[in-house]
Amino acid sequence: MRCFPVSYYLSFARSREKSLSRGKNATASYIEQLEPTSDAQHGVLKMLTTTQLRGLRPHELLVLAALCDVDWRHIDPDCSDDALTVFHNIASRHAITVDGLRTLLMMFFPDADRSGLQCRSAFATLDYSYFIAANAKRFGQTPLVRRVTMGHTV
């Protein structure tokens, strides 16, 4: 099995889309069914594949799952009803605080670092304030979250 750096994942996925569109079972319209991505969308995909697929920490993914109201049972079918309730309570606010992220980490990833530094770093990654201008541009300059200073909500 060959391993590739995560930064190649998006390129790999794009090449598979093209390959599938030319395969023996492909329909002529397969590639046309895929909506083209804008430069900003491509940048967001590049940022996620470059920074998040490595799986170094669950923080950003928990924030995105809560904000996107992902059904956590699809991610962890064995999670407790109490944990699901906590997740849905936080997700239903359509906003998440550092304390909310800490709570989710405690429920779903108890061994993860729940320090304020790690949580704020996760938010900085998602709002692009972590990145230098060149990387923000490379990633489409479209942050995945927006910080709201009132109540330290992100």
C-alpha atoms as a PDB file:
ATOM      1  CA  MET A   1       0.000   0.000   0.000  1.00  0.00           C
ATOM      2  CA  ARG A   2       1.322   3.422  -0.946  1.00  0.00           C
ATOM      3  CA  CYS A   3       0.912   6.319   1.428  1.00  0.00           C
ATOM      4  CA  PHE A   4       0.633   9.888   0.237  1.00  0.00           C
ATOM      5  CA  PRO A   5       0.835  13.085   2.228  1.00  0.00           C
ATOM      6  CA  VAL A   6      -2.587  14.395   3.193  1.00  0.00           C
ATOM      7  CA  SER A   7      -2.018  17.460   1.021  1.00  0.00           C
ATOM      8  CA  TYR A   8      -2.413  15.178  -1.991  1.00  0.00           C
ATOM      9  CA  TYR A   9      -5.840  13.943  -0.897  1.00  0.00           C
ATOM     10  CA  LEU A  10      -7.832  16.615  -2.706  1.00  0.00           C
ATOM     11  CA  SER A  11      -5.847  16.043  -5.892  1.00  0.00           C
ATOM     12  CA  PHE A  12      -6.374  12.297  -5.515  1.00  0.00           C
ATOM     13  CA  ALA A  13     -10.138  12.746  -5.030  1.00  0.00           C
ATOM     14  CA  ARG A  14     -10.339  15.001  -8.089  1.00  0.00           C
ATOM     15  CA  SER A  15      -8.406  12.469 -10.191  1.00  0.00           C
ATOM     16  CA  ARG A  16     -10.776   9.678  -9.091  1.00  0.00           C
ATOM     17  CA  GLU A  17     -13.769  11.793 -10.117  1.00  0.00           C
ATOM     18  CA  LYS A  18     -12.247  12.201 -13.576  1.00  0.00           C
ATOM     19  CA  SER A  19     -11.325   8.523 -13.776  1.00  0.00           C
ATOM     20  CA  LEU A  20     -14.816   7.403 -12.778  1.00  0.00           C
ATOM     21  CA  SER A  21     -16.292   9.636 -15.427  1.00  0.00           C
ATOM     22  CA  ARG A  22     -14.331   7.708 -18.066  1.00  0.00           C
ATOM     23  CA  GLY A  23     -14.749   4.177 -16.647  1.00  0.00           C
ATOM     24  CA  LYS A  24     -16.571   1.310 -18.343  1.00  0.00           C
ATOM     25  CA  ASN A  25     -19.678   1.821 -16.175  1.00  0.00           C
ATOM     26  CA  ALA A  26     -19.688   5.600 -16.436  1.00  0.00           C
ATOM     27  CA  THR A  27     -22.515   7.519 -17.911  1.00  0.00           C
ATOM     28  CA  ALA A  28     -21.723  10.383 -20.215  1.00  0.00           C
ATOM     29  CA  SER A  29     -23.212  12.831 -17.756  1.00  0.00           C
ATOM     30  CA  TYR A  30     -21.383  11.679 -14.592  1.00  0.00           C
ATOM     31  CA  ILE A  31     -18.810  14.445 -14.593  1.00  0.00           C
ATOM     32  CA  GLU A  32     -21.497  16.927 -15.581  1.00  0.00           C
ATOM     33  CA  GLN A  33     -23.543  15.915 -12.512  1.00  0.00           C
ATOM     34  CA  LEU A  34     -20.758  17.126 -10.264  1.00  0.00           C
ATOM     35  CA  GLU A  35     -21.229  20.781  -9.608  1.00  0.00           C
ATOM     36  CA  PRO A  36     -18.004  22.670 -10.168  1.00  0.00           C
ATOM     37  CA  THR A  37     -16.497  24.238  -7.097  1.00  0.00           C
ATOM     38  CA  SER A  38     -15.692  27.914  -6.905  1.00  0.00           C
ATOM     39  CA  ASP A  39     -12.195  29.054  -6.024  1.00  0.00           C
ATOM     40  CA  ALA A  40     -13.366  29.706  -2.450  1.00  0.00           C
ATOM     41  CA  GLN A  41     -14.949  26.243  -2.145  1.00  0.00           C
ATOM     42  CA  HIS A  42     -11.838  24.629  -3.579  1.00  0.00           C
ATOM     43  CA  GLY A  43      -9.775  26.576  -1.036  1.00  0.00           C
ATOM     44  CA  VAL A  44     -11.937  25.361   1.848  1.00  0.00           C
ATOM     45  CA  LEU A  45     -11.599  21.771   0.639  1.00  0.00           C
ATOM     46  CA  LYS A  46      -7.848  22.271   0.377  1.00  0.00           C
ATOM     47  CA  MET A  47      -7.698  23.671   3.939  1.00  0.00           C
ATOM     48  CA  LEU A  48      -9.735  20.798   5.362  1.00  0.00           C
ATOM     49  CA  THR A  49      -7.723  18.127   3.590  1.00  0.00           C
ATOM     50  CA  THR A  50      -4.439  19.781   4.520  1.00  0.00           C
ATOM     51  CA  THR A  51      -5.191  20.489   8.174  1.00  0.00           C
ATOM     52  CA  GLN A  52      -8.011  18.217   9.318  1.00  0.00           C
ATOM     53  CA  LEU A  53      -7.591  14.826   7.665  1.00  0.00           C
ATOM     54  CA  ARG A  54      -4.444  14.280   9.660  1.00  0.00           C
ATOM     55  CA  GLY A  55      -6.663  13.705  12.691  1.00  0.00           C
ATOM     56  CA  LEU A  56      -4.245  15.337  15.102  1.00  0.00           C
ATOM     57  CA  ARG A  57      -7.038  16.641  17.302  1.00  0.00           C
ATOM     58  CA  PRO A  58     -10.823  16.356  17.283  1.00  0.00           C
ATOM     59  CA  HIS A  59     -11.465  19.978  18.278  1.00  0.00           C
ATOM     60  CA  GLU A  60     -12.143  21.486  14.845  1.00  0.00           C
ATOM     61  CA  LEU A  61     -14.214  18.529  13.726  1.00  0.00           C
ATOM     62  CA  LEU A  62     -16.389  18.730  16.847  1.00  0.00           C
ATOM     63  CA  VAL A  63     -16.982  22.444  16.239  1.00  0.00           C
ATOM     64  CA  LEU A  64     -17.935  21.817  12.616  1.00  0.00           C
ATOM     65  CA  ALA A  65     -20.144  18.847  13.519  1.00  0.00           C
ATOM     66  CA  ALA A  66     -22.016  20.933  16.096  1.00  0.00           C
ATOM     67  CA  LEU A  67     -22.397  23.970  13.844  1.00  0.00           C
ATOM     68  CA  CYS A  68     -23.517  21.841  10.895  1.00  0.00           C
ATOM     69  CA  ASP A  69     -25.921  19.870  13.120  1.00  0.00           C
ATOM     70  CA  VAL A  70     -24.404  16.554  12.099  1.00  0.00           C
ATOM     71  CA  ASP A  71     -26.203  13.504  13.461  1.00  0.00           C
ATOM     72  CA  TRP A  72     -23.512  12.284  15.856  1.00  0.00           C
ATOM     73  CA  ARG A  73     -24.959   8.746  15.811  1.00  0.00           C
ATOM     74  CA  HIS A  74     -23.551   8.409  12.281  1.00  0.00           C
ATOM     75  CA  ILE A  75     -20.100   9.157  13.649  1.00  0.00           C
ATOM     76  CA  ASP A  76     -20.369   7.178  16.885  1.00  0.00           C
ATOM     77  CA  PRO A  77     -23.305   4.753  16.874  1.00  0.00           C
ATOM     78  CA  ASP A  78     -22.375   3.548  20.369  1.00  0.00           C
ATOM     79  CA  CYS A  79     -22.396   6.942  22.083  1.00  0.00           C
ATOM     80  CA  SER A  80     -24.635   7.314  25.094  1.00  0.00           C
ATOM     81  CA  ASP A  81     -28.009   9.014  25.056  1.00  0.00           C
ATOM     82  CA  ASP A  82     -26.654  11.530  27.584  1.00  0.00           C
ATOM     83  CA  ALA A  83     -23.786  12.436  25.264  1.00  0.00           C
ATOM     84  CA  LEU A  84     -26.203  12.805  22.325  1.00  0.00           C
ATOM     85  CA  THR A  85     -28.418  15.091  24.383  1.00  0.00           C
ATOM     86  CA  VAL A  86     -25.471  17.302  25.279  1.00  0.00           C
ATOM     87  CA  PHE A  87     -24.357  17.387  21.643  1.00  0.00           C
ATOM     88  CA  HIS A  88     -27.836  18.327  20.396  1.00  0.00           C
ATOM     89  CA  ASN A  89     -28.236  21.009  23.066  1.00  0.00           C
ATOM     90  CA  ILE A  90     -25.008  22.662  21.972  1.00  0.00           C
ATOM     91  CA  ALA A  91     -25.696  22.146  18.254  1.00  0.00           C
ATOM     92  CA  SER A  92     -29.194  23.609  18.515  1.00  0.00           C
ATOM     93  CA  ARG A  93     -27.712  27.003  19.457  1.00  0.00           C
ATOM     94  CA  HIS A  94     -26.034  27.311  16.029  1.00  0.00           C
ATOM     95  CA  ALA A  95     -23.065  28.770  17.913  1.00  0.00           C
ATOM     96  CA  ILE A  96     -20.421  27.270  20.148  1.00  0.00           C
ATOM     97  CA  THR A  97     -18.272  28.699  22.905  1.00  0.00           C
ATOM     98  CA  VAL A  98     -14.934  27.522  24.249  1.00  0.00           C
ATOM     99  CA  ASP A  99     -16.841  26.074  27.212  1.00  0.00           C
ATOM    100  CA  GLY A 100     -19.217  24.280  24.832  1.00  0.00           C
ATOM    101  CA  LEU A 101     -16.265  22.796  22.977  1.00  0.00           C
ATOM    102  CA  ARG A 102     -14.709  21.693  26.269  1.00  0.00           C
ATOM    103  CA  THR A 103     -17.972  19.977  27.208  1.00  0.00           C
ATOM    104  CA  LEU A 104     -18.115  18.137  23.892  1.00  0.00           C
ATOM    105  CA  LEU A 105     -14.495  17.095  24.218  1.00  0.00           C
ATOM    106  CA  MET A 106     -15.156  15.735  27.707  1.00  0.00           C
ATOM    107  CA  MET A 107     -18.169  13.745  26.440  1.00  0.00           C
ATOM    108  CA  PHE A 108     -16.699  12.340  23.235  1.00  0.00           C
ATOM    109  CA  PHE A 109     -12.901  12.602  23.529  1.00  0.00           C
ATOM    110  CA  PRO A 110     -12.092  12.531  27.249  1.00  0.00           C
ATOM    111  CA  ASP A 111      -8.364  12.052  26.632  1.00  0.00           C
ATOM    112  CA  ALA A 112      -8.083  15.141  24.397  1.00  0.00           C
ATOM    113  CA  ASP A 113      -6.467  18.329  25.664  1.00  0.00           C
ATOM    114  CA  ARG A 114      -9.346  20.587  26.751  1.00  0.00           C
ATOM    115  CA  SER A 115      -7.182  23.571  27.612  1.00  0.00           C
ATOM    116  CA  GLY A 116      -8.293  27.031  26.588  1.00  0.00           C
ATOM    117  CA  LEU A 117      -5.175  27.282  24.418  1.00  0.00           C
ATOM    118  CA  GLN A 118      -6.132  24.219  22.352  1.00  0.00           C
ATOM    119  CA  CYS A 119      -9.775  25.270  22.049  1.00  0.00           C
ATOM    120  CA  ARG A 120      -8.908  28.821  20.999  1.00  0.00           C
ATOM    121  CA  SER A 121      -6.393  27.404  18.522  1.00  0.00           C
ATOM    122  CA  ALA A 122      -9.137  25.267  16.978  1.00  0.00           C
ATOM    123  CA  PHE A 123     -11.356  28.315  16.536  1.00  0.00           C
ATOM    124  CA  ALA A 124      -8.418  30.263  15.075  1.00  0.00           C
ATOM    125  CA  THR A 125      -7.897  27.500  12.519  1.00  0.00           C
ATOM    126  CA  LEU A 126     -11.560  27.560  11.510  1.00  0.00           C
ATOM    127  CA  ASP A 127     -11.833  31.350  11.287  1.00  0.00           C
ATOM    128  CA  TYR A 128      -8.469  31.500   9.455  1.00  0.00           C
ATOM    129  CA  SER A 129      -6.888  33.903  11.956  1.00  0.00           C
ATOM    130  CA  TYR A 130      -4.306  31.176  12.613  1.00  0.00           C
ATOM    131  CA  PHE A 131      -3.025  31.287   9.044  1.00  0.00           C
ATOM    132  CA  ILE A 132      -0.664  33.802   7.528  1.00  0.00           C
ATOM    133  CA  ALA A 133      -2.161  35.808   4.661  1.00  0.00           C
ATOM    134  CA  ALA A 134      -0.596  33.592   1.978  1.00  0.00           C
ATOM    135  CA  ASN A 135      -2.163  30.440   3.426  1.00  0.00           C
ATOM    136  CA  ALA A 136      -5.518  32.128   3.953  1.00  0.00           C
ATOM    137  CA  LYS A 137      -5.435  33.084   0.274  1.00  0.00           C
ATOM    138  CA  ARG A 138      -4.390  29.546  -0.717  1.00  0.00           C
ATOM    139  CA  PHE A 139      -7.332  28.210   1.294  1.00  0.00           C
ATOM    140  CA  GLY A 140      -9.850  30.442  -0.476  1.00  0.00           C
ATOM    141  CA  GLN A 141     -10.060  33.228   2.126  1.00  0.00           C
ATOM    142  CA  THR A 142     -13.429  31.873   3.227  1.00  0.00           C
ATOM    143  CA  PRO A 143     -13.364  31.020   6.937  1.00  0.00           C
ATOM    144  CA  LEU A 144     -15.555  28.163   8.084  1.00  0.00           C
ATOM    145  CA  VAL A 145     -16.694  30.008  11.209  1.00  0.00           C
ATOM    146  CA  ARG A 146     -17.141  33.604  12.227  1.00  0.00           C
ATOM    147  CA  ARG A 147     -16.319  34.832  15.685  1.00  0.00           C
ATOM    148  CA  VAL A 148     -18.834  36.928  17.532  1.00  0.00           C
ATOM    149  CA  THR A 149     -17.256  38.798  20.417  1.00  0.00           C
ATOM    150  CA  MET A 150     -20.417  38.934  22.513  1.00  0.00           C
ATOM    151  CA  GLY A 151     -20.120  36.079  24.984  1.00  0.00           C
ATOM    152  CA  HIS A 152     -16.987  34.736  23.257  1.00  0.00           C
ATOM    153  CA  THR A 153     -19.154  32.822  20.805  1.00  0.00           C
ATOM    154  CA  VAL A 154     -17.584  31.448  17.686  1.00  0.00           C
END
